[in-house]
């Protein structure tokens, strides 16, 4: 018998009782932020559930982790507490449990229509690292800028490449993105171009949210790394390709990336994604022992990007990809991040890098889809090489179960003109 909630959840909803993703919301504009889980078209207020004494297990009884303005304290408690919370909430919301179902006063206080809430960043992000873990994306970029004979540098197959990003400009879905200004390649003997970016792009990514961290100087074993990852979000690593191309040698991305990164508001836990685990790609050459996993897995998460061109009502699907295209797993990424003794902390964000598949229709950014502007993308009778002011980009992602979906909702942002 499939698990079923007393709350009506449609078959196309991303938020059935099998999911229960965590986020931070405000039920009213003047309300303080508080944790919640998504169930159908509602948000269950975890602060109300907590104050009502319904978290009765050994890890959460008496804890104030759901009375906080972010999820960091809950994340720090680790997997036993996460599993306890999930089991408690699934039981509480199930069709045959009366505690919430038959208590009209508690239902009124704790279940808020999703249409009425304001979603906020779910975590206080202390550090943000962005990886480069899709082989197809790495190869396409290499062919574009270095040629097919040297498309992927040899080190790429030995370690998960990454750079340290800027967490102050990470925003929640629905936040507008202002077109960045900066320098671009000079033309001939002229000074460098300076002005609004002329090659503004999206990057289809996901990101792992770190739970318990590790002590400085003490790496995390790759086979235990999953216990340090709470869940995943959708992520748009907005990129100014002209600024990036001019600045990135020799130290890597800077202003071409740091102007804005958007994440989805709901963190889908690894426990909810476990039914959709699949084998990760075979890695050749075999990774060094500290990256060699006993079980190397990805997740089957279908990803889609739509662009709604400025001034138009309808969106166009521009790419369909899948999380399972990643060459380096999120657990390998975390283990590599700590191998030098670097300490991670609850709420740290680890971006996957652009998730491109092998076919052109699965490329994860306009850089690849238009081959750096050499060809145009057709959108509802108009064309794009890169994003224009007023364009809105919407990511979505979900895993499909038997009669239900475990999804992330959407991750969206609209481009505003440079001031």
Protein backbone atom coordinates (compact mmCIF):
# COMPACT_ATOMS: atom_id res chain seq x y z
CA UNK A 1 0.00 0.00 0.00
CA UNK A 2 1.52 3.31 -1.11
CA UNK A 3 1.97 5.96 1.57
CA UNK A 4 -0.87 8.48 1.34
CA UNK A 5 -1.57 11.78 3.09
CA UNK A 6 -4.90 13.06 4.40
CA UNK A 7 -4.04 16.23 2.46
CA UNK A 8 -5.09 15.97 -1.17
CA UNK A 9 -1.98 15.84 -3.38
CA UNK A 10 -2.36 15.70 -7.16
CA UNK A 11 -0.34 13.17 -9.20
CA UNK A 12 1.69 15.95 -10.83
CA UNK A 13 2.56 17.69 -7.57
CA UNK A 14 6.27 17.83 -6.73
CA UNK A 15 5.44 17.60 -3.03
CA UNK A 16 3.71 14.34 -2.05
CA UNK A 17 4.18 12.68 1.34
CA UNK A 18 7.09 10.70 -0.16
CA UNK A 19 9.04 13.97 -0.54
CA UNK A 20 8.54 16.43 2.35
CA UNK A 21 11.32 18.89 1.43
CA UNK A 22 12.45 21.46 3.99
CA UNK A 23 12.46 25.22 3.57
CA UNK A 24 12.13 28.55 5.38
CA UNK A 25 9.01 30.68 4.92
CA UNK A 26 6.98 33.59 6.23
CA UNK A 27 3.20 33.00 6.44
CA UNK A 28 2.57 36.77 6.56
CA UNK A 29 4.80 39.67 5.42
CA UNK A 30 5.38 40.72 9.04
CA UNK A 31 5.88 37.18 10.40
CA UNK A 32 9.31 36.00 11.54
CA UNK A 33 10.88 33.35 9.26
CA UNK A 34 10.34 29.74 10.34
CA UNK A 35 11.01 26.22 9.03
CA UNK A 36 8.40 24.29 7.08
CA UNK A 37 7.94 21.28 4.85
CA UNK A 38 6.00 21.24 1.57
CA UNK A 39 3.02 18.90 1.30
CA UNK A 40 0.85 19.27 -1.82
CA UNK A 41 -0.27 22.90 -2.06
CA UNK A 42 0.48 23.59 1.61
CA UNK A 43 3.40 24.38 3.87
CA UNK A 44 3.43 22.62 7.25
CA UNK A 45 4.74 25.06 9.88
CA UNK A 46 7.36 23.11 11.84
CA UNK A 47 7.55 25.75 14.58
CA UNK A 48 3.89 25.09 15.40
CA UNK A 49 4.38 21.31 15.29
CA UNK A 50 7.42 21.65 17.55
CA UNK A 51 5.69 23.92 20.11
CA UNK A 52 2.78 21.45 20.15
CA UNK A 53 5.18 18.76 21.40
CA UNK A 54 4.73 16.45 18.42
CA UNK A 55 8.46 15.77 17.91
CA UNK A 56 8.74 13.12 20.59
CA UNK A 57 11.82 11.15 19.52
CA UNK A 58 15.20 11.13 21.30
CA UNK A 59 16.93 13.56 18.91
CA UNK A 60 14.24 16.23 18.50
CA UNK A 61 12.25 16.16 21.73
CA UNK A 62 12.94 19.44 23.52
CA UNK A 63 15.08 20.78 20.64
CA UNK A 64 14.55 24.34 19.43
CA UNK A 65 15.95 23.61 15.95
CA UNK A 66 12.53 24.31 14.37
CA UNK A 67 12.20 27.63 16.19
CA UNK A 68 15.11 29.13 14.20
CA UNK A 69 15.06 31.53 11.21
CA UNK A 70 17.10 29.03 9.14
CA UNK A 71 17.70 25.28 8.97
CA UNK A 72 21.35 25.30 10.05
CA UNK A 73 20.77 24.06 13.61
CA UNK A 74 18.64 21.17 12.32
CA UNK A 75 21.27 20.35 9.66
CA UNK A 76 23.99 20.21 12.33
CA UNK A 77 22.12 17.45 14.22
CA UNK A 78 22.94 14.90 11.53
CA UNK A 79 21.28 11.97 9.81
CA UNK A 80 19.67 10.29 12.87
CA UNK A 81 17.76 13.52 13.62
CA UNK A 82 16.85 13.99 9.94
CA UNK A 83 15.46 10.46 9.75
CA UNK A 84 13.52 10.98 12.96
CA UNK A 85 12.01 14.22 11.64
CA UNK A 86 11.05 12.60 8.34
CA UNK A 87 9.45 9.56 10.04
CA UNK A 88 7.53 11.79 12.49
CA UNK A 89 6.23 14.08 9.72
CA UNK A 90 5.27 11.23 7.38
CA UNK A 91 3.32 9.63 10.21
CA UNK A 92 1.70 12.92 11.23
CA UNK A 93 0.58 13.67 7.66
CA UNK A 94 -0.51 10.13 6.77
CA UNK A 95 -4.13 9.37 5.99
CA UNK A 96 -4.57 7.01 8.94
CA UNK A 97 -3.03 9.18 11.71
CA UNK A 98 -5.56 11.28 13.65
CA UNK A 99 -3.29 13.66 15.63
CA UNK A 100 -3.25 16.40 12.98
CA UNK A 101 -6.01 15.13 10.68
CA UNK A 102 -8.72 15.31 13.38
CA UNK A 103 -7.50 18.44 15.17
CA UNK A 104 -9.09 21.40 13.31
CA UNK A 105 -7.39 24.00 15.52
CA UNK A 106 -3.90 22.56 14.96
CA UNK A 107 -4.55 22.14 11.24
CA UNK A 108 -5.63 25.77 11.00
CA UNK A 109 -2.47 26.96 12.75
CA UNK A 110 0.05 24.64 11.10
CA UNK A 111 -1.05 24.24 7.46
CA UNK A 112 -0.57 27.37 5.37
CA UNK A 113 -1.57 27.55 1.67
CA UNK A 114 1.60 27.71 -0.41
CA UNK A 115 0.09 30.53 -2.48
CA UNK A 116 0.12 32.79 0.60
CA UNK A 117 3.66 32.28 1.87
CA UNK A 118 6.93 34.05 1.09
CA UNK A 119 9.82 31.63 0.62
CA UNK A 120 13.28 32.65 1.84
CA UNK A 121 16.76 31.17 1.59
CA UNK A 122 16.50 27.93 3.58
CA UNK A 123 19.98 28.17 5.11
CA UNK A 124 22.55 30.68 6.25
CA UNK A 125 25.29 29.93 3.71
CA UNK A 126 28.74 30.45 5.19
CA UNK A 127 30.69 29.14 2.21
CA UNK A 128 29.91 28.22 -1.38
CA UNK A 129 32.03 26.08 -3.69
CA UNK A 130 31.18 25.39 -7.33
CA UNK A 131 32.44 22.23 -9.01
CA UNK A 132 32.88 21.35 -12.70
CA UNK A 133 31.65 17.76 -12.65
CA UNK A 134 29.88 17.14 -15.99
CA UNK A 135 32.21 15.56 -18.53
CA UNK A 136 29.99 16.63 -21.43
CA UNK A 137 30.05 20.27 -20.31
CA UNK A 138 33.81 20.16 -19.73
CA UNK A 139 34.40 18.65 -23.18
CA UNK A 140 32.17 21.16 -24.98
CA UNK A 141 33.83 24.13 -23.28
CA UNK A 142 37.26 22.67 -24.04
CA UNK A 143 36.48 22.17 -27.72
CA UNK A 144 35.18 25.74 -27.96
CA UNK A 145 38.20 27.39 -26.35
CA UNK A 146 41.11 24.97 -26.84
CA UNK A 147 40.12 22.72 -29.75
CA UNK A 148 39.16 19.03 -29.89
CA UNK A 149 42.73 17.74 -29.49
CA UNK A 150 42.96 19.21 -25.95
CA UNK A 151 39.29 19.39 -24.97
CA UNK A 152 39.62 18.11 -21.39
CA UNK A 153 42.76 18.67 -19.35
CA UNK A 154 44.23 15.44 -17.93
CA UNK A 155 43.75 16.53 -14.31
CA UNK A 156 39.96 16.70 -14.84
CA UNK A 157 39.73 12.88 -14.78
CA UNK A 158 41.78 12.68 -11.57
CA UNK A 159 39.94 15.08 -9.27
CA UNK A 160 36.71 17.10 -9.01
CA UNK A 161 37.73 20.60 -10.18
CA UNK A 162 36.12 23.54 -8.34
CA UNK A 163 36.46 27.19 -7.40
CA UNK A 164 35.35 29.08 -4.30
CA UNK A 165 32.30 31.24 -5.01
CA UNK A 166 30.66 34.24 -3.41
CA UNK A 167 27.88 33.36 -0.94
CA UNK A 168 26.71 36.93 -0.29
CA UNK A 169 25.06 37.08 -3.73
CA UNK A 170 23.20 33.74 -3.47
CA UNK A 171 19.48 34.51 -3.69
CA UNK A 172 16.25 32.53 -3.48
CA UNK A 173 14.16 31.68 -6.52
CA UNK A 174 12.08 34.59 -7.83
CA UNK A 175 14.72 37.24 -7.10
CA UNK A 176 15.50 39.53 -10.06
CA UNK A 177 19.07 39.52 -11.40
CA UNK A 178 20.59 42.83 -12.52
CA UNK A 179 22.75 42.55 -15.62
CA UNK A 180 26.35 42.88 -14.43
CA UNK A 181 28.89 45.37 -15.78
CA UNK A 182 32.54 44.64 -16.25
CA UNK A 183 35.46 44.35 -18.63
CA UNK A 184 35.56 42.25 -21.78
CA UNK A 185 38.21 41.32 -24.34
CA UNK A 186 39.68 44.35 -26.14
CA UNK A 187 39.14 44.64 -29.87
CA UNK A 188 42.47 44.99 -31.66
CA UNK A 189 44.65 47.63 -30.00
CA UNK A 190 41.73 49.28 -28.17
CA UNK A 191 41.37 49.26 -24.38
CA UNK A 192 39.20 46.49 -22.93
CA UNK A 193 35.44 46.79 -23.40
CA UNK A 194 33.68 48.12 -20.31
CA UNK A 195 29.93 48.10 -19.82
CA UNK A 196 26.94 45.79 -19.35
CA UNK A 197 27.70 42.16 -20.14
CA UNK A 198 26.80 41.24 -23.70
CA UNK A 199 26.97 37.48 -23.09
CA UNK A 200 24.77 36.84 -20.07
CA UNK A 201 24.02 33.15 -19.54
CA UNK A 202 22.35 30.67 -17.22
CA UNK A 203 23.96 27.46 -15.97
CA UNK A 204 21.77 24.47 -15.11
CA UNK A 205 23.18 23.11 -11.85
CA UNK A 206 22.18 21.47 -8.63
CA UNK A 207 23.84 21.93 -5.26
CA UNK A 208 24.41 19.77 -2.20
CA UNK A 209 23.59 21.28 1.19
CA UNK A 210 26.12 20.30 3.86
CA UNK A 211 24.83 18.96 7.18
CA UNK A 212 27.34 18.21 9.95
CA UNK A 213 30.73 19.60 9.05
CA UNK A 214 34.18 18.27 9.89
CA UNK A 215 36.91 19.52 12.16
CA UNK A 216 39.76 21.51 10.66
CA UNK A 217 42.50 19.10 9.63
CA UNK A 218 40.22 16.02 9.63
CA UNK A 219 39.07 14.92 6.15
CA UNK A 220 35.76 13.12 5.56
CA UNK A 221 36.01 9.54 4.28
CA UNK A 222 34.36 9.28 0.85
CA UNK A 223 32.27 6.32 2.04
CA UNK A 224 30.92 8.40 4.93
CA UNK A 225 30.41 11.60 2.93
CA UNK A 226 26.69 10.91 2.42
CA UNK A 227 26.13 11.44 6.15
CA UNK A 228 27.40 15.00 5.71
CA UNK A 229 24.93 15.88 2.93
CA UNK A 230 21.40 16.86 3.98
CA UNK A 231 19.92 17.19 0.50
CA UNK A 232 19.91 18.93 -2.87
CA UNK A 233 18.53 22.13 -4.42
CA UNK A 234 18.27 23.43 -7.97
CA UNK A 235 20.85 26.11 -8.72
CA UNK A 236 21.33 28.67 -11.50
CA UNK A 237 24.93 29.84 -11.62
CA UNK A 238 24.31 32.99 -13.69
CA UNK A 239 27.40 33.70 -15.80
CA UNK A 240 28.66 36.70 -17.78
CA UNK A 241 30.67 34.89 -20.44
CA UNK A 242 32.47 37.97 -21.81
CA UNK A 243 33.59 39.10 -18.36
CA UNK A 244 34.56 35.53 -17.47
CA UNK A 245 36.61 34.99 -20.64
CA UNK A 246 38.70 38.13 -20.09
CA UNK A 247 39.38 37.67 -16.37
CA UNK A 248 39.69 33.94 -15.72
CA UNK A 249 43.42 33.46 -16.54
CA UNK A 250 45.26 32.82 -14.27
CA UNK A 251 43.09 32.51 -11.12
CA UNK A 252 39.68 31.44 -12.44
CA UNK A 253 36.16 32.93 -12.23
CA UNK A 254 35.52 36.16 -10.35
CA UNK A 255 33.19 38.97 -11.47
CA UNK A 256 31.78 36.86 -14.29
CA UNK A 257 30.07 34.73 -11.64
CA UNK A 258 29.81 36.63 -8.34
CA UNK A 259 26.95 38.98 -9.29
CA UNK A 260 24.22 36.41 -8.61
CA UNK A 261 23.45 32.73 -8.00
CA UNK A 262 19.86 31.51 -7.58
CA UNK A 263 18.74 28.43 -5.64
CA UNK A 264 15.33 26.81 -5.24
CA UNK A 265 13.69 27.30 -1.83
CA UNK A 266 13.02 23.63 -1.01
CA UNK A 267 15.81 21.23 0.02
CA UNK A 268 14.94 17.69 -1.07
CA UNK A 269 16.61 15.25 1.30
CA UNK A 270 18.83 12.39 0.18
CA UNK A 271 16.40 10.08 2.00
CA UNK A 272 13.56 11.24 -0.28
CA UNK A 273 15.82 10.74 -3.33
CA UNK A 274 17.06 7.28 -2.31
CA UNK A 275 14.40 5.39 -4.37
CA UNK A 276 15.84 7.15 -7.44
CA UNK A 277 19.50 6.30 -6.80
CA UNK A 278 21.31 4.90 -9.85
CA UNK A 279 24.83 3.86 -10.76
CA UNK A 280 27.24 6.70 -11.42
CA UNK A 281 29.22 6.60 -14.70
CA UNK A 282 32.25 4.32 -14.77
CA UNK A 283 35.33 6.41 -14.01
CA UNK A 284 38.40 5.83 -16.15
CA UNK A 285 41.11 6.08 -14.95
CA UNK A 286 40.21 4.60 -11.57
CA UNK A 287 40.23 7.45 -9.02
CA UNK A 288 42.86 7.58 -6.30
CA UNK A 289 41.97 5.56 -3.16
CA UNK A 290 40.61 8.55 -1.22
CA UNK A 291 38.01 9.08 -4.00
CA UNK A 292 37.23 5.38 -4.63
CA UNK A 293 33.69 4.68 -3.41
CA UNK A 294 32.40 1.26 -2.40
CA UNK A 295 29.03 2.28 -3.88
CA UNK A 296 29.22 5.10 -6.44
CA UNK A 297 25.76 6.52 -7.12
CA UNK A 298 23.94 9.39 -8.74
CA UNK A 299 20.20 10.12 -8.74
CA UNK A 300 17.74 9.96 -11.62
CA UNK A 301 16.45 13.55 -11.54
CA UNK A 302 14.97 14.94 -14.76
CA UNK A 303 15.91 18.58 -15.25
CA UNK A 304 14.38 21.17 -17.56
CA UNK A 305 15.11 24.80 -18.44
CA UNK A 306 12.52 27.19 -19.86
CA UNK A 307 13.07 30.75 -21.06
CA UNK A 308 10.22 33.25 -21.23
CA UNK A 309 11.48 35.93 -23.62
CA UNK A 310 10.96 39.57 -22.63
CA UNK A 311 7.46 40.78 -23.47
CA UNK A 312 6.05 37.32 -24.18
CA UNK A 313 3.50 35.31 -22.23
CA UNK A 314 4.70 31.82 -23.12
CA UNK A 315 7.89 30.04 -22.16
CA UNK A 316 10.01 27.79 -24.37
CA UNK A 317 11.81 24.66 -23.22
CA UNK A 318 15.45 25.10 -24.22
CA UNK A 319 17.06 22.07 -22.61
CA UNK A 320 16.29 18.78 -20.87
CA UNK A 321 19.05 17.10 -18.90
CA UNK A 322 19.46 14.76 -15.92
CA UNK A 323 21.43 14.80 -12.68
CA UNK A 324 22.73 11.33 -13.53
CA UNK A 325 25.01 12.83 -16.22
CA UNK A 326 27.47 13.93 -13.50
CA UNK A 327 30.86 12.19 -13.74
CA UNK A 328 31.97 13.08 -10.19
CA UNK A 329 29.39 12.27 -7.50
CA UNK A 330 28.37 14.74 -4.78
CA UNK A 331 29.98 12.46 -2.18
CA UNK A 332 33.27 12.50 -4.10
CA UNK A 333 33.02 16.28 -4.34
CA UNK A 334 32.60 16.60 -0.57
CA UNK A 335 35.39 14.12 0.24
CA UNK A 336 37.79 15.90 -2.14
CA UNK A 337 36.86 19.29 -0.65
CA UNK A 338 38.00 18.07 2.80
CA UNK A 339 41.04 15.95 1.83
CA UNK A 340 43.43 18.81 2.55
CA UNK A 341 41.87 19.30 5.99
CA UNK A 342 39.46 22.06 4.93
CA UNK A 343 36.55 22.21 7.37
CA UNK A 344 32.99 22.34 6.05
CA UNK A 345 30.14 23.72 8.16
CA UNK A 346 26.36 23.20 8.30
CA UNK A 347 24.69 25.15 5.50
CA UNK A 348 27.69 25.21 3.17
CA UNK A 349 26.66 24.89 -0.47
CA UNK A 350 28.46 22.69 -3.02
CA UNK A 351 27.39 23.39 -6.62
CA UNK A 352 27.74 20.55 -9.13
CA UNK A 353 28.76 22.62 -12.12
CA UNK A 354 26.68 22.79 -15.30
CA UNK A 355 24.84 19.51 -15.90
CA UNK A 356 25.01 18.80 -19.63
CA UNK A 357 24.14 15.53 -21.30
CA UNK A 358 25.65 14.04 -24.46
CA UNK A 359 23.01 15.34 -26.90
CA UNK A 360 22.75 19.00 -28.01
CA UNK A 361 19.21 19.26 -26.60
CA UNK A 362 20.60 18.34 -23.15
CA UNK A 363 23.29 21.05 -23.00
CA UNK A 364 23.02 23.00 -19.75
CA UNK A 365 23.78 26.60 -20.78
CA UNK A 366 23.49 29.01 -23.72
CA UNK A 367 27.26 28.93 -24.18
CA UNK A 368 26.86 25.33 -25.35
CA UNK A 369 23.39 25.60 -26.91
CA UNK A 370 24.49 28.48 -29.19
CA UNK A 371 28.14 27.37 -29.33
CA UNK A 372 29.33 30.68 -27.85
CA UNK A 373 26.93 32.72 -29.95
CA UNK A 374 27.82 31.18 -33.31
CA UNK A 375 24.22 30.08 -33.82
CA UNK A 376 20.85 31.34 -32.62
CA UNK A 377 18.26 29.60 -30.49
CA UNK A 378 14.66 29.91 -31.70
CA UNK A 379 12.15 30.94 -29.00
CA UNK A 380 8.48 31.53 -29.88
CA UNK A 381 9.31 33.36 -33.10
CA UNK A 382 12.21 35.30 -31.61
CA UNK A 383 15.85 34.28 -31.29
CA UNK A 384 18.52 34.34 -28.61
CA UNK A 385 22.28 33.85 -28.50
CA UNK A 386 22.49 35.02 -24.89
CA UNK A 387 19.97 36.42 -22.40
CA UNK A 388 18.36 39.80 -22.99
CA UNK A 389 16.88 42.22 -20.44
CA UNK A 390 13.41 41.09 -19.39
CA UNK A 391 14.07 37.40 -20.11
CA UNK A 392 12.98 35.03 -17.35
CA UNK A 393 14.73 31.68 -16.84
CA UNK A 394 12.93 28.87 -15.00
CA UNK A 395 14.54 25.58 -13.92
CA UNK A 396 12.52 22.62 -12.74
CA UNK A 397 13.50 19.14 -11.64
CA UNK A 398 11.80 15.98 -10.41
CA UNK A 399 12.16 12.23 -10.04
CA UNK A 400 9.26 10.06 -11.15
CA UNK A 401 8.04 7.29 -8.83
CA UNK A 402 5.15 4.86 -9.15
CA UNK A 403 2.17 7.23 -9.20
CA UNK A 404 4.01 10.14 -7.61
CA UNK A 405 6.83 12.63 -8.20
CA UNK A 406 9.56 13.79 -5.87
CA UNK A 407 10.37 17.28 -7.12
CA UNK A 408 12.14 20.51 -6.34
CA UNK A 409 9.56 23.01 -7.56
CA UNK A 410 11.17 25.76 -9.62
CA UNK A 411 14.25 27.96 -9.57
CA UNK A 412 13.58 31.19 -11.45
CA UNK A 413 15.04 34.61 -12.08
CA UNK A 414 14.38 37.56 -14.41
CA UNK A 415 17.05 39.74 -15.97
CA UNK A 416 16.83 43.47 -15.24
CA UNK A 417 18.83 46.10 -17.13
CA UNK A 418 22.20 47.26 -15.91
CA UNK A 419 21.83 50.62 -14.09
